[in-house]
Amino acid sequence: MNLGKYLSISQEVQEALAAGKPVVALESTIISHGMPYPKNVETALNVERIIREHGAVPATIAIIKGKITVGCSHEEIEYLGKRGLDVPKASRRDLPVLLARGEDGATTVTTTMIGASLAGIRVFATGGIGGVHRGAETTMDISADLEELAQTPVMVVCAGCKSILDIGLTLEYLETKGVPVLGYQTKEMPAFYTTHSGHQVDYAVEDAEEAARIFKAKLDCDLKGGILMTNPIPPQYAMDLDYINENIDKALRECEERGIKGKAITPFLLDKIQKLTGGASLEANIQLVYHNAALGAEIAKAMARN
């Protein structure tokens, strides 16, 4: 397997992994597709700073000139931020094409998990995962993130699945695939912008040490797939559930009227909701990513100790 042709790991990340130090993977779609420049670069660098402050090494992952780059430099993050939407979102199906063509790609949850696993990183912090879209019983629109969680051994720390999705069906899908859904100090599934969803996770976890023990048991038993660790947005940044759902419904109606489909749906909805909420949803998004980065670092440290 000629993996070296397609995988580039920064010296800092290589040295940390070789020494058994905690490393936390980060995605790059949030840089190129999540918000405008320079806010995207500022946020990405702040996330890396928070992980360092909590005693771990950050590893932002992206496809750069045909290589899965694990541990992007500040210059590479700036490059992704400035190119913005010109950098294609790279899911599992896109990966071989981008690598073969020597092109760039912003990694989604799916491809960040793939890159992390190839490098030997076990913890990945992000905003929220994709899932089963509303109306999927007729459209079959289901995020590749769920399939990746079923097969790739990475713990994904997030604020639940995005509120624009069908949370109940997403949880059913994950159960079918054997993916444990944990709640950090909560039994209720958070819904990205809000701490409440009306749905329950499989198990509440009290601290990072317990989360690390659960994942270690999964790895030791060679049980396929990863773990979803849901971490509610801090209450001071949470949005009212009825208010956010009202705006999601408006955005979904416009999405349907305009015939937007496939992977274009999520960025359109998030941008529309940001405008409908006067920017409040973007600030909530940023704060929950910071919150997840801190927890990801604590779990990575606990895993390094075990």
Foldseek 3Di string as FASTA:
>chain_A
DPQVLAAAEDPVLLVCVVVLFFEAEEFFCCQQQVDAPPVSLVLVVVLQVLLVVLRGGYWYWWRAQLHTYTRDDSVVSVVSNVCRPVAAADAPVRNVVCNVRRHIHTYALRVSLVNCQVSVHAEYEAEEHWAAAVVCVPVVFGDCNLVQQLAGRHEYEYQYHALRGDRVVRQVSNVVSVAAEEEAQDQARGHRQAHHDPHGGPYYDDALLRVLVVSVVCVVVVRGGYYYYHYHQPPVLHDDPVVLVVQSVVQVVVCVVVVPDDPVSVSSSQVSSCVVVVNSSVVSSSRRSSVRSSRSSRNSNSNSVD
